[in-house]
N, C-alpha and C. Protein backbone atom coordinates (compact mmCIF):
# COMPACT_ATOMS: atom_id res chain seq x y z
N MET A 1 142.46 62.67 31.29
CA MET A 1 142.58 63.88 32.10
C MET A 1 141.31 64.04 32.95
N GLU A 2 141.48 64.40 34.21
CA GLU A 2 140.32 64.55 35.09
C GLU A 2 139.50 65.77 34.69
N ARG A 3 138.19 65.60 34.63
CA ARG A 3 137.33 66.71 34.21
C ARG A 3 137.17 67.72 35.34
N LYS A 4 137.18 68.99 34.97
CA LYS A 4 136.99 70.04 35.98
C LYS A 4 135.59 69.96 36.58
N ASN A 5 135.53 70.33 37.83
CA ASN A 5 134.30 70.21 38.60
C ASN A 5 133.59 71.57 38.66
N ILE A 6 132.45 71.68 38.00
CA ILE A 6 131.68 72.93 38.01
C ILE A 6 130.40 72.73 38.81
N VAL A 7 130.18 73.62 39.77
CA VAL A 7 128.93 73.60 40.53
C VAL A 7 128.13 74.84 40.15
N VAL A 8 126.85 74.63 39.88
CA VAL A 8 125.95 75.71 39.46
C VAL A 8 124.88 75.87 40.53
N LEU A 9 124.72 77.10 41.03
CA LEU A 9 123.67 77.39 42.02
C LEU A 9 122.62 78.26 41.34
N THR A 10 121.39 77.76 41.23
CA THR A 10 120.35 78.52 40.52
C THR A 10 119.23 78.94 41.45
N GLY A 11 118.67 80.12 41.14
CA GLY A 11 117.54 80.65 41.89
C GLY A 11 116.40 81.04 40.97
N ALA A 12 115.45 81.77 41.51
CA ALA A 12 114.20 82.06 40.81
C ALA A 12 114.40 82.78 39.48
N GLY A 13 115.49 83.55 39.36
CA GLY A 13 115.70 84.34 38.14
C GLY A 13 115.81 83.51 36.88
N ILE A 14 116.36 82.30 36.97
CA ILE A 14 116.49 81.47 35.76
C ILE A 14 115.12 80.94 35.34
N SER A 15 114.24 80.65 36.31
CA SER A 15 112.90 80.15 35.98
C SER A 15 111.97 81.28 35.53
N ALA A 16 112.23 82.51 36.02
CA ALA A 16 111.38 83.65 35.64
C ALA A 16 111.37 83.84 34.13
N GLU A 17 112.49 83.49 33.49
CA GLU A 17 112.56 83.66 32.04
C GLU A 17 111.83 82.55 31.28
N SER A 18 111.32 81.57 32.02
CA SER A 18 110.41 80.58 31.44
C SER A 18 108.96 80.90 31.79
N GLY A 19 108.74 82.09 32.36
CA GLY A 19 107.38 82.54 32.65
C GLY A 19 106.88 82.16 34.03
N ILE A 20 107.76 81.69 34.91
CA ILE A 20 107.34 81.34 36.27
C ILE A 20 107.58 82.54 37.16
N PRO A 21 106.50 83.13 37.72
CA PRO A 21 106.66 84.35 38.50
C PRO A 21 107.43 84.10 39.80
N THR A 22 108.10 85.14 40.27
CA THR A 22 108.86 85.04 41.50
C THR A 22 108.27 85.97 42.55
N PHE A 23 108.47 85.63 43.81
CA PHE A 23 108.04 86.53 44.89
C PHE A 23 108.79 87.86 44.80
N ARG A 24 110.03 87.80 44.32
CA ARG A 24 110.83 89.01 44.24
C ARG A 24 110.17 90.03 43.29
N ASP A 25 109.60 89.52 42.20
CA ASP A 25 108.99 90.42 41.20
C ASP A 25 107.63 90.94 41.65
N THR A 26 107.03 90.28 42.61
CA THR A 26 105.68 90.69 43.03
C THR A 26 105.68 91.26 44.44
N ASN A 27 106.82 91.78 44.87
CA ASN A 27 106.96 92.37 46.20
C ASN A 27 106.56 91.41 47.32
N GLY A 28 106.84 90.12 47.09
CA GLY A 28 106.57 89.14 48.13
C GLY A 28 105.10 88.81 48.30
N LEU A 29 104.27 89.15 47.32
CA LEU A 29 102.84 88.88 47.43
C LEU A 29 102.38 87.90 46.36
N TRP A 30 101.38 87.13 46.67
CA TRP A 30 100.73 86.25 45.70
C TRP A 30 99.22 86.44 45.85
N GLU A 31 98.61 87.05 44.82
CA GLU A 31 97.17 87.36 44.86
C GLU A 31 96.80 88.02 46.19
N GLY A 32 97.66 88.96 46.62
CA GLY A 32 97.37 89.69 47.84
C GLY A 32 97.81 89.01 49.11
N HIS A 33 98.32 87.78 49.01
CA HIS A 33 98.76 87.04 50.19
C HIS A 33 100.26 87.24 50.40
N ASP A 34 100.64 87.55 51.61
CA ASP A 34 102.05 87.66 51.96
C ASP A 34 102.72 86.29 51.85
N VAL A 35 104.01 86.29 51.48
CA VAL A 35 104.74 85.05 51.30
C VAL A 35 104.66 84.16 52.55
N MET A 36 104.63 84.77 53.74
CA MET A 36 104.61 83.96 54.95
C MET A 36 103.26 83.26 55.16
N GLU A 37 102.22 83.74 54.49
CA GLU A 37 100.92 83.07 54.58
C GLU A 37 100.89 81.77 53.80
N VAL A 38 101.67 81.72 52.71
CA VAL A 38 101.57 80.56 51.82
C VAL A 38 102.86 79.74 51.73
N ALA A 39 103.92 80.18 52.40
CA ALA A 39 105.19 79.45 52.30
C ALA A 39 105.89 79.34 53.64
N SER A 40 105.11 79.13 54.69
CA SER A 40 105.70 78.93 56.02
C SER A 40 104.90 77.86 56.75
N ILE A 41 105.55 77.25 57.73
CA ILE A 41 104.85 76.22 58.51
C ILE A 41 103.70 76.87 59.29
N GLU A 42 103.88 78.12 59.73
CA GLU A 42 102.80 78.82 60.45
C GLU A 42 101.59 79.02 59.53
N GLY A 43 101.88 79.39 58.27
CA GLY A 43 100.79 79.56 57.30
C GLY A 43 100.03 78.26 57.07
N TRP A 44 100.77 77.15 56.97
CA TRP A 44 100.15 75.84 56.77
C TRP A 44 99.26 75.47 57.96
N LEU A 45 99.76 75.70 59.17
CA LEU A 45 98.97 75.35 60.35
C LEU A 45 97.73 76.22 60.47
N ARG A 46 97.84 77.47 59.99
CA ARG A 46 96.72 78.41 60.08
C ARG A 46 95.67 78.14 59.01
N ASN A 47 96.14 77.88 57.77
CA ASN A 47 95.20 77.73 56.65
C ASN A 47 95.76 76.76 55.61
N PRO A 48 95.72 75.46 55.91
CA PRO A 48 96.30 74.49 54.99
C PRO A 48 95.65 74.49 53.61
N THR A 49 94.36 74.79 53.54
CA THR A 49 93.67 74.80 52.24
C THR A 49 94.25 75.88 51.33
N LEU A 50 94.52 77.06 51.88
CA LEU A 50 95.11 78.14 51.10
C LEU A 50 96.51 77.76 50.60
N VAL A 51 97.32 77.17 51.48
CA VAL A 51 98.68 76.79 51.10
C VAL A 51 98.64 75.71 50.02
N GLN A 52 97.75 74.74 50.20
CA GLN A 52 97.63 73.68 49.20
C GLN A 52 97.23 74.26 47.84
N GLU A 53 96.30 75.20 47.85
CA GLU A 53 95.85 75.83 46.60
C GLU A 53 97.00 76.57 45.93
N PHE A 54 97.79 77.28 46.74
CA PHE A 54 98.93 78.02 46.20
C PHE A 54 99.89 77.09 45.47
N TYR A 55 100.23 75.96 46.11
CA TYR A 55 101.19 75.04 45.48
C TYR A 55 100.57 74.25 44.33
N ASN A 56 99.28 73.99 44.39
CA ASN A 56 98.62 73.36 43.24
C ASN A 56 98.70 74.26 42.01
N LEU A 57 98.51 75.57 42.22
CA LEU A 57 98.62 76.51 41.10
C LEU A 57 100.06 76.62 40.61
N ARG A 58 101.01 76.62 41.53
CA ARG A 58 102.41 76.65 41.14
C ARG A 58 102.80 75.40 40.36
N ARG A 59 102.24 74.26 40.78
CA ARG A 59 102.53 72.99 40.10
C ARG A 59 102.01 73.03 38.66
N LYS A 60 100.78 73.55 38.50
CA LYS A 60 100.22 73.66 37.14
C LYS A 60 101.09 74.57 36.27
N ALA A 61 101.53 75.68 36.84
CA ALA A 61 102.38 76.62 36.08
C ALA A 61 103.70 75.96 35.70
N ALA A 62 104.27 75.20 36.62
CA ALA A 62 105.56 74.54 36.34
C ALA A 62 105.41 73.46 35.27
N LEU A 63 104.31 72.70 35.35
CA LEU A 63 104.08 71.65 34.35
C LEU A 63 103.90 72.23 32.96
N ALA A 64 103.33 73.44 32.89
CA ALA A 64 103.09 74.08 31.59
C ALA A 64 104.33 74.81 31.05
N ALA A 65 105.31 75.05 31.91
CA ALA A 65 106.47 75.85 31.51
C ALA A 65 107.51 74.99 30.79
N ASP A 66 108.27 75.63 29.93
CA ASP A 66 109.36 74.96 29.21
C ASP A 66 110.69 75.53 29.66
N PRO A 67 111.74 74.69 29.67
CA PRO A 67 113.06 75.22 29.96
C PRO A 67 113.45 76.29 28.94
N ASN A 68 114.36 77.18 29.32
CA ASN A 68 114.81 78.22 28.40
C ASN A 68 116.27 77.99 28.00
N ALA A 69 116.81 78.95 27.27
CA ALA A 69 118.17 78.79 26.72
C ALA A 69 119.22 78.59 27.81
N ALA A 70 119.01 79.19 28.98
CA ALA A 70 119.97 79.01 30.08
C ALA A 70 119.96 77.58 30.59
N HIS A 71 118.76 77.01 30.78
CA HIS A 71 118.67 75.61 31.22
C HIS A 71 119.35 74.69 30.21
N TYR A 72 119.08 74.89 28.93
CA TYR A 72 119.64 74.00 27.92
C TYR A 72 121.16 74.16 27.80
N ALA A 73 121.66 75.38 27.99
CA ALA A 73 123.11 75.59 27.95
C ALA A 73 123.81 74.80 29.05
N LEU A 74 123.19 74.75 30.23
CA LEU A 74 123.80 74.01 31.34
C LEU A 74 123.90 72.51 31.03
N VAL A 75 122.96 72.00 30.26
CA VAL A 75 123.02 70.58 29.86
C VAL A 75 124.26 70.34 29.00
N GLN A 76 124.56 71.29 28.09
CA GLN A 76 125.73 71.16 27.21
C GLN A 76 127.02 71.08 28.01
N LEU A 77 127.06 71.77 29.12
CA LEU A 77 128.26 71.81 29.95
C LEU A 77 128.69 70.41 30.40
N GLU A 78 127.71 69.52 30.55
CA GLU A 78 128.01 68.16 31.02
C GLU A 78 128.84 67.36 30.01
N LEU A 79 128.88 67.81 28.76
CA LEU A 79 129.67 67.10 27.75
C LEU A 79 131.16 67.22 28.02
N ALA A 80 131.57 68.29 28.70
CA ALA A 80 132.99 68.53 28.90
C ALA A 80 133.42 68.61 30.36
N TYR A 81 132.48 68.78 31.27
CA TYR A 81 132.82 69.00 32.67
C TYR A 81 131.99 68.11 33.58
N GLN A 82 132.48 67.94 34.80
CA GLN A 82 131.68 67.32 35.86
C GLN A 82 130.78 68.42 36.42
N VAL A 83 129.47 68.28 36.27
CA VAL A 83 128.55 69.37 36.63
C VAL A 83 127.56 68.91 37.70
N THR A 84 127.44 69.70 38.76
CA THR A 84 126.39 69.50 39.76
C THR A 84 125.56 70.78 39.81
N ILE A 85 124.26 70.66 39.70
CA ILE A 85 123.37 71.81 39.81
C ILE A 85 122.70 71.76 41.19
N ILE A 86 122.86 72.84 41.92
CA ILE A 86 122.16 73.01 43.20
C ILE A 86 121.09 74.06 42.95
N THR A 87 119.84 73.70 43.04
CA THR A 87 118.79 74.65 42.71
C THR A 87 117.90 74.98 43.90
N GLN A 88 117.55 76.25 44.01
CA GLN A 88 116.57 76.68 45.00
C GLN A 88 115.16 76.57 44.42
N ASN A 89 115.07 76.27 43.12
CA ASN A 89 113.77 76.22 42.44
C ASN A 89 113.12 74.85 42.64
N VAL A 90 111.81 74.85 42.61
CA VAL A 90 111.06 73.61 42.87
C VAL A 90 110.33 73.12 41.60
N ASP A 91 110.64 73.75 40.45
CA ASP A 91 109.82 73.56 39.25
C ASP A 91 110.28 72.44 38.33
N LEU A 92 111.45 71.85 38.54
CA LEU A 92 111.95 70.72 37.75
C LEU A 92 112.31 71.08 36.31
N LEU A 93 112.54 72.36 36.02
CA LEU A 93 112.92 72.74 34.66
C LEU A 93 114.31 72.24 34.30
N HIS A 94 115.20 72.09 35.28
CA HIS A 94 116.52 71.51 34.98
C HIS A 94 116.37 70.07 34.51
N GLU A 95 115.49 69.31 35.17
CA GLU A 95 115.24 67.93 34.73
C GLU A 95 114.64 67.90 33.34
N LYS A 96 113.68 68.80 33.10
CA LYS A 96 113.03 68.84 31.77
C LYS A 96 114.05 69.12 30.67
N ALA A 97 115.03 69.97 30.97
CA ALA A 97 116.03 70.32 29.97
C ALA A 97 116.99 69.16 29.71
N GLY A 98 117.20 68.31 30.73
CA GLY A 98 118.07 67.15 30.55
C GLY A 98 119.30 67.11 31.43
N SER A 99 119.41 68.02 32.40
CA SER A 99 120.53 67.95 33.35
C SER A 99 120.39 66.71 34.23
N ASN A 100 121.53 66.19 34.68
CA ASN A 100 121.51 64.90 35.37
C ASN A 100 121.75 64.97 36.88
N ASN A 101 122.70 65.78 37.31
CA ASN A 101 123.07 65.78 38.73
C ASN A 101 122.49 67.02 39.41
N ILE A 102 121.35 66.86 40.06
CA ILE A 102 120.63 68.02 40.59
C ILE A 102 120.33 67.80 42.07
N ILE A 103 120.68 68.80 42.88
CA ILE A 103 120.34 68.81 44.30
C ILE A 103 119.23 69.85 44.48
N HIS A 104 118.11 69.43 45.03
CA HIS A 104 116.97 70.34 45.26
C HIS A 104 117.01 70.85 46.69
N LEU A 105 117.45 72.09 46.86
CA LEU A 105 117.57 72.66 48.21
C LEU A 105 116.21 72.85 48.87
N HIS A 106 115.23 73.31 48.08
CA HIS A 106 113.95 73.72 48.66
C HIS A 106 112.81 72.78 48.32
N GLY A 107 113.16 71.54 47.91
CA GLY A 107 112.12 70.57 47.61
C GLY A 107 111.73 70.57 46.14
N ARG A 108 110.62 69.88 45.84
CA ARG A 108 110.20 69.76 44.44
C ARG A 108 108.68 69.59 44.36
N LEU A 109 108.11 70.23 43.34
CA LEU A 109 106.65 70.27 43.21
C LEU A 109 106.03 68.94 42.81
N ASP A 110 106.83 68.02 42.28
CA ASP A 110 106.25 66.74 41.84
C ASP A 110 106.19 65.72 42.97
N GLN A 111 106.45 66.18 44.21
CA GLN A 111 106.40 65.27 45.35
C GLN A 111 105.50 65.83 46.45
N ALA A 112 104.85 64.90 47.15
CA ALA A 112 104.10 65.23 48.37
C ALA A 112 104.77 64.52 49.53
N LYS A 113 104.52 65.01 50.74
CA LYS A 113 105.03 64.28 51.89
C LYS A 113 104.04 64.35 53.04
N SER A 114 104.22 63.44 53.97
CA SER A 114 103.40 63.41 55.18
C SER A 114 103.60 64.69 55.97
N SER A 115 102.55 65.18 56.59
CA SER A 115 102.70 66.38 57.42
C SER A 115 103.13 66.03 58.85
N ILE A 116 103.32 64.74 59.14
CA ILE A 116 103.84 64.37 60.47
C ILE A 116 105.13 63.57 60.40
N ASP A 117 105.52 63.09 59.21
CA ASP A 117 106.74 62.28 59.08
C ASP A 117 107.45 62.65 57.77
N ASP A 118 108.52 63.43 57.90
CA ASP A 118 109.23 63.94 56.71
C ASP A 118 109.80 62.83 55.82
N SER A 119 109.96 61.63 56.37
CA SER A 119 110.56 60.55 55.57
C SER A 119 109.56 59.90 54.62
N LEU A 120 108.27 60.19 54.78
CA LEU A 120 107.24 59.60 53.91
C LEU A 120 106.97 60.55 52.75
N ILE A 121 107.56 60.21 51.59
CA ILE A 121 107.48 61.07 50.40
C ILE A 121 106.82 60.28 49.28
N TYR A 122 105.93 60.95 48.54
CA TYR A 122 105.13 60.28 47.50
C TYR A 122 105.15 61.12 46.22
N PRO A 123 105.08 60.47 45.06
CA PRO A 123 104.94 61.26 43.83
C PRO A 123 103.55 61.89 43.74
N VAL A 124 103.48 63.09 43.20
CA VAL A 124 102.17 63.72 42.94
C VAL A 124 101.72 63.25 41.57
N LEU A 125 100.60 62.58 41.52
CA LEU A 125 100.08 62.08 40.25
C LEU A 125 99.12 63.13 39.70
N GLY A 126 99.51 63.80 38.64
CA GLY A 126 98.68 64.88 38.11
C GLY A 126 99.13 66.22 38.64
N GLU A 127 98.16 67.15 38.71
CA GLU A 127 98.50 68.54 39.03
C GLU A 127 98.27 68.92 40.48
N GLU A 128 97.50 68.12 41.23
CA GLU A 128 97.07 68.59 42.54
C GLU A 128 97.30 67.58 43.66
N ILE A 129 97.58 68.12 44.85
CA ILE A 129 97.42 67.37 46.10
C ILE A 129 96.10 67.85 46.69
N GLU A 130 95.21 66.95 46.99
CA GLU A 130 93.90 67.37 47.48
C GLU A 130 93.83 67.29 49.00
N MET A 131 93.07 68.21 49.57
CA MET A 131 92.79 68.10 51.00
C MET A 131 92.00 66.81 51.21
N GLY A 132 92.41 66.04 52.21
CA GLY A 132 91.80 64.73 52.41
C GLY A 132 92.67 63.59 51.90
N GLU A 133 93.72 63.91 51.11
CA GLU A 133 94.69 62.89 50.70
C GLU A 133 95.65 62.67 51.85
N LEU A 134 95.75 61.42 52.32
CA LEU A 134 96.50 61.15 53.55
C LEU A 134 97.70 60.26 53.28
N CYS A 135 98.69 60.38 54.16
CA CYS A 135 99.82 59.46 54.13
C CYS A 135 99.43 58.16 54.83
N GLU A 136 100.34 57.20 54.81
CA GLU A 136 99.99 55.89 55.39
C GLU A 136 99.80 55.96 56.90
N LYS A 137 100.26 57.05 57.54
CA LYS A 137 100.04 57.22 58.97
C LYS A 137 98.79 58.04 59.27
N GLY A 138 98.06 58.41 58.22
CA GLY A 138 96.78 59.08 58.42
C GLY A 138 96.82 60.59 58.48
N SER A 139 97.98 61.20 58.15
CA SER A 139 98.04 62.67 58.19
C SER A 139 97.91 63.23 56.77
N GLN A 140 97.46 64.47 56.69
CA GLN A 140 97.28 65.15 55.41
C GLN A 140 98.60 65.25 54.65
N LEU A 141 98.55 64.96 53.35
CA LEU A 141 99.73 65.17 52.50
C LEU A 141 99.91 66.66 52.24
N ARG A 142 101.14 67.10 52.26
CA ARG A 142 101.51 68.50 51.99
C ARG A 142 102.56 68.50 50.89
N PRO A 143 102.83 69.63 50.27
CA PRO A 143 103.90 69.67 49.28
C PRO A 143 105.25 69.33 49.91
N ASN A 144 106.11 68.64 49.16
CA ASN A 144 107.46 68.35 49.65
C ASN A 144 108.34 69.57 49.34
N ILE A 145 108.06 70.65 50.04
CA ILE A 145 108.71 71.94 49.85
C ILE A 145 109.27 72.38 51.20
N VAL A 146 110.48 72.95 51.17
CA VAL A 146 111.05 73.53 52.40
C VAL A 146 110.48 74.93 52.55
N TRP A 147 109.71 75.14 53.60
CA TRP A 147 109.10 76.44 53.84
C TRP A 147 109.98 77.29 54.75
N PHE A 148 109.70 78.59 54.76
CA PHE A 148 110.39 79.48 55.70
C PHE A 148 110.20 78.95 57.12
N GLY A 149 111.29 78.92 57.86
CA GLY A 149 111.22 78.42 59.23
C GLY A 149 111.51 76.95 59.36
N GLU A 150 111.71 76.25 58.24
CA GLU A 150 112.01 74.82 58.28
C GLU A 150 113.49 74.58 57.95
N ALA A 151 114.02 73.46 58.42
CA ALA A 151 115.40 73.09 58.11
C ALA A 151 115.52 72.76 56.62
N VAL A 152 116.73 72.94 56.09
CA VAL A 152 117.02 72.64 54.68
C VAL A 152 117.85 71.35 54.65
N PRO A 153 117.21 70.19 54.43
CA PRO A 153 117.90 68.92 54.60
C PRO A 153 119.14 68.75 53.70
N GLU A 154 119.11 69.35 52.51
CA GLU A 154 120.19 69.12 51.54
C GLU A 154 121.33 70.13 51.64
N ILE A 155 121.28 71.03 52.62
CA ILE A 155 122.25 72.12 52.66
C ILE A 155 123.68 71.62 52.87
N GLU A 156 123.85 70.59 53.69
CA GLU A 156 125.21 70.08 53.94
C GLU A 156 125.79 69.40 52.71
N LYS A 157 124.94 68.66 52.01
CA LYS A 157 125.40 68.02 50.76
C LYS A 157 125.81 69.09 49.74
N ALA A 158 125.00 70.16 49.65
CA ALA A 158 125.30 71.25 48.72
C ALA A 158 126.63 71.92 49.08
N ALA A 159 126.83 72.20 50.36
CA ALA A 159 128.07 72.84 50.81
C ALA A 159 129.28 71.95 50.50
N ALA A 160 129.12 70.65 50.67
CA ALA A 160 130.23 69.72 50.39
C ALA A 160 130.61 69.76 48.91
N HIS A 161 129.62 69.81 48.03
CA HIS A 161 129.92 69.90 46.59
C HIS A 161 130.64 71.20 46.26
N ILE A 162 130.18 72.30 46.82
CA ILE A 162 130.80 73.60 46.52
C ILE A 162 132.22 73.65 47.06
N SER A 163 132.48 72.98 48.17
CA SER A 163 133.83 72.99 48.75
C SER A 163 134.84 72.27 47.86
N GLU A 164 134.36 71.50 46.88
CA GLU A 164 135.25 70.78 45.96
C GLU A 164 135.19 71.34 44.54
N ALA A 165 134.58 72.51 44.37
CA ALA A 165 134.37 73.07 43.02
C ALA A 165 135.63 73.75 42.50
N ASP A 166 135.85 73.60 41.19
CA ASP A 166 136.86 74.40 40.49
C ASP A 166 136.25 75.69 39.98
N MET A 167 134.93 75.65 39.76
CA MET A 167 134.20 76.84 39.32
C MET A 167 132.81 76.81 39.92
N LEU A 168 132.35 77.99 40.38
CA LEU A 168 130.99 78.13 40.91
C LEU A 168 130.27 79.16 40.05
N ILE A 169 129.15 78.75 39.45
CA ILE A 169 128.35 79.66 38.64
C ILE A 169 127.01 79.86 39.35
N ILE A 170 126.73 81.09 39.75
CA ILE A 170 125.50 81.42 40.47
C ILE A 170 124.58 82.15 39.50
N ILE A 171 123.35 81.66 39.34
CA ILE A 171 122.46 82.20 38.31
C ILE A 171 121.10 82.53 38.90
N GLY A 172 120.69 83.79 38.73
CA GLY A 172 119.30 84.17 39.01
C GLY A 172 118.91 84.11 40.46
N THR A 173 119.82 84.47 41.35
CA THR A 173 119.47 84.50 42.76
C THR A 173 119.99 85.78 43.38
N SER A 174 119.23 86.33 44.32
CA SER A 174 119.58 87.61 44.94
C SER A 174 120.64 87.45 46.02
N LEU A 175 120.95 86.19 46.39
CA LEU A 175 121.91 85.92 47.48
C LEU A 175 121.50 86.63 48.78
N GLN A 176 120.20 86.71 48.99
CA GLN A 176 119.68 87.37 50.20
C GLN A 176 119.04 86.39 51.17
N VAL A 177 118.67 85.21 50.70
CA VAL A 177 117.92 84.27 51.54
C VAL A 177 118.87 83.18 52.05
N TYR A 178 118.96 83.09 53.37
CA TYR A 178 119.83 82.08 53.97
C TYR A 178 119.01 80.85 54.34
N PRO A 179 119.62 79.65 54.36
CA PRO A 179 121.07 79.42 54.29
C PRO A 179 121.66 79.37 52.89
N ALA A 180 120.84 79.36 51.83
CA ALA A 180 121.38 79.21 50.47
C ALA A 180 122.39 80.31 50.14
N ALA A 181 122.13 81.54 50.59
CA ALA A 181 123.02 82.65 50.26
C ALA A 181 124.42 82.45 50.81
N GLY A 182 124.54 81.67 51.87
CA GLY A 182 125.86 81.43 52.47
C GLY A 182 126.67 80.36 51.76
N LEU A 183 126.07 79.65 50.82
CA LEU A 183 126.78 78.55 50.16
C LEU A 183 128.02 79.02 49.41
N LYS A 184 127.97 80.23 48.84
CA LYS A 184 129.12 80.73 48.07
C LYS A 184 130.38 80.77 48.91
N ASP A 185 130.23 80.91 50.21
CA ASP A 185 131.39 81.03 51.11
C ASP A 185 132.12 79.71 51.30
N PHE A 186 131.54 78.60 50.82
CA PHE A 186 132.21 77.30 50.92
C PHE A 186 133.15 77.04 49.74
N ALA A 187 133.14 77.92 48.75
CA ALA A 187 134.01 77.72 47.58
C ALA A 187 135.48 77.80 48.00
N PRO A 188 136.32 76.87 47.53
CA PRO A 188 137.74 76.91 47.90
C PRO A 188 138.46 78.09 47.25
N GLU A 189 139.67 78.35 47.72
CA GLU A 189 140.41 79.53 47.27
C GLU A 189 140.65 79.55 45.77
N HIS A 190 140.93 78.37 45.18
CA HIS A 190 141.25 78.33 43.75
C HIS A 190 140.01 78.43 42.86
N CYS A 191 138.83 78.37 43.45
CA CYS A 191 137.58 78.31 42.68
C CYS A 191 137.27 79.66 42.04
N ARG A 192 136.97 79.65 40.75
CA ARG A 192 136.51 80.85 40.05
C ARG A 192 135.00 80.96 40.26
N SER A 193 134.53 82.10 40.77
CA SER A 193 133.10 82.27 41.06
C SER A 193 132.50 83.35 40.17
N ILE A 194 131.33 83.06 39.61
CA ILE A 194 130.65 83.96 38.67
C ILE A 194 129.20 84.10 39.12
N LEU A 195 128.67 85.33 39.08
CA LEU A 195 127.27 85.58 39.39
C LEU A 195 126.59 86.22 38.19
N ILE A 196 125.48 85.62 37.76
CA ILE A 196 124.68 86.15 36.66
C ILE A 196 123.28 86.43 37.19
N ASP A 197 122.86 87.68 37.13
CA ASP A 197 121.51 88.03 37.58
C ASP A 197 121.09 89.34 36.90
N LYS A 198 119.79 89.47 36.66
CA LYS A 198 119.29 90.70 36.02
C LYS A 198 119.54 91.93 36.88
N LYS A 199 119.53 91.72 38.21
CA LYS A 199 119.81 92.83 39.12
C LYS A 199 120.74 92.33 40.21
N ILE A 200 121.99 92.76 40.15
CA ILE A 200 122.96 92.36 41.17
C ILE A 200 122.68 93.16 42.44
N PRO A 201 122.43 92.48 43.56
CA PRO A 201 122.11 93.22 44.79
C PRO A 201 123.31 93.98 45.34
N ASP A 202 123.07 95.20 45.81
CA ASP A 202 124.14 96.01 46.38
C ASP A 202 124.66 95.43 47.69
N SER A 203 123.77 94.81 48.43
CA SER A 203 124.12 94.44 49.81
C SER A 203 124.82 93.09 49.92
N ALA A 204 124.83 92.31 48.83
CA ALA A 204 125.46 90.99 48.91
C ALA A 204 126.98 91.14 49.00
N ASN A 205 127.60 90.24 49.74
CA ASN A 205 129.06 90.23 49.83
C ASN A 205 129.61 89.49 48.62
N LEU A 206 130.07 90.24 47.64
CA LEU A 206 130.47 89.64 46.36
C LEU A 206 131.98 89.71 46.13
N HIS A 207 132.73 89.64 47.21
CA HIS A 207 134.19 89.65 47.13
C HIS A 207 134.67 88.49 46.27
N ASN A 208 135.53 88.79 45.30
CA ASN A 208 136.12 87.77 44.42
C ASN A 208 135.11 87.04 43.54
N ILE A 209 133.97 87.67 43.25
CA ILE A 209 132.98 87.07 42.36
C ILE A 209 132.82 87.96 41.11
N GLN A 210 133.00 87.37 39.93
CA GLN A 210 132.75 88.10 38.68
C GLN A 210 131.24 88.24 38.51
N CYS A 211 130.77 89.46 38.25
CA CYS A 211 129.32 89.68 38.14
C CYS A 211 128.93 90.11 36.73
N TYR A 212 127.84 89.53 36.24
CA TYR A 212 127.26 89.91 34.95
C TYR A 212 125.79 90.26 35.19
N GLU A 213 125.47 91.54 35.09
CA GLU A 213 124.10 91.99 35.34
C GLU A 213 123.31 91.89 34.03
N GLU A 214 122.88 90.69 33.72
CA GLU A 214 122.19 90.39 32.46
C GLU A 214 121.17 89.27 32.71
N PRO A 215 120.20 89.13 31.82
CA PRO A 215 119.28 87.98 31.93
C PRO A 215 120.05 86.67 31.76
N ALA A 216 119.58 85.64 32.43
CA ALA A 216 120.23 84.32 32.34
C ALA A 216 120.25 83.80 30.91
N THR A 217 119.18 84.05 30.15
CA THR A 217 119.11 83.51 28.78
C THR A 217 120.13 84.16 27.86
N VAL A 218 120.65 85.31 28.25
CA VAL A 218 121.70 85.97 27.46
C VAL A 218 123.08 85.55 27.93
N ALA A 219 123.33 85.70 29.24
CA ALA A 219 124.68 85.52 29.76
C ALA A 219 125.10 84.06 29.90
N VAL A 220 124.16 83.17 30.27
CA VAL A 220 124.55 81.77 30.51
C VAL A 220 124.99 81.07 29.22
N PRO A 221 124.22 81.14 28.11
CA PRO A 221 124.69 80.50 26.89
C PRO A 221 126.04 81.05 26.42
N ARG A 222 126.24 82.37 26.58
CA ARG A 222 127.52 82.96 26.14
C ARG A 222 128.68 82.43 26.99
N LEU A 223 128.47 82.39 28.31
CA LEU A 223 129.52 81.87 29.19
C LEU A 223 129.83 80.41 28.88
N ILE A 224 128.81 79.63 28.66
CA ILE A 224 129.03 78.19 28.45
C ILE A 224 129.67 77.92 27.09
N GLU A 225 129.35 78.75 26.12
CA GLU A 225 130.04 78.65 24.82
C GLU A 225 131.55 78.87 25.00
N GLN A 226 131.90 79.88 25.80
CA GLN A 226 133.33 80.14 26.09
C GLN A 226 133.98 78.97 26.81
N LEU A 227 133.27 78.44 27.82
CA LEU A 227 133.84 77.33 28.59
C LEU A 227 134.05 76.09 27.72
N MET A 228 133.14 75.84 26.80
CA MET A 228 133.26 74.69 25.91
C MET A 228 134.43 74.88 24.94
N LYS A 229 134.63 76.12 24.48
CA LYS A 229 135.77 76.40 23.58
C LYS A 229 137.10 76.23 24.31
N ASN A 230 137.11 76.64 25.58
CA ASN A 230 138.37 76.64 26.34
C ASN A 230 138.70 75.27 26.91
N HIS A 231 137.79 74.34 26.78
CA HIS A 231 138.00 73.03 27.39
C HIS A 231 139.20 72.32 26.74
């Protein structure tokens, strides 16, 4: 029998429960810096040292963090279903937990890339990318992260997966940041869609989506236990 196709879209809320702070929880500030200062191409051009420091600290935090019950529950789902995880997170906690099919919408902290050629991507060895570390074309290495104002290379692949989903599970995202927020609209008519978040936003268009306003570590294991029983 063909296995049902489940697509999971995760945002900062699932990682927050592993102790990784989110911009949403800090009113868009990091140590007094506005998000656009440290997560935009304009910020990088203005002060690359500050941006590099921000991501070096985020990388250290991610390396020290452990997956939580929600991450581990998603791994169990692969025993019975075809599962693709589309994540807006850059922390690699899904990989640490053991999930296999992961699309990184916004990049990943364990990679650096050339600041003049997006195709030149390198592993980050250790915790930091240092100023003065150059790509083979002689430009400064930057985090392989999609910043505000930049294209999202994996968005079409993500939309294609959702367009073939039998079930879409959205976890820990406010559905306010585009283009990721628009991905739910690619779900086919027969697809069952579920949203799990500690705070369901009033302004999101949640037509035909079952909502659970609970922490991911509570609601995700419970949902996946049900799905495994019903398989």
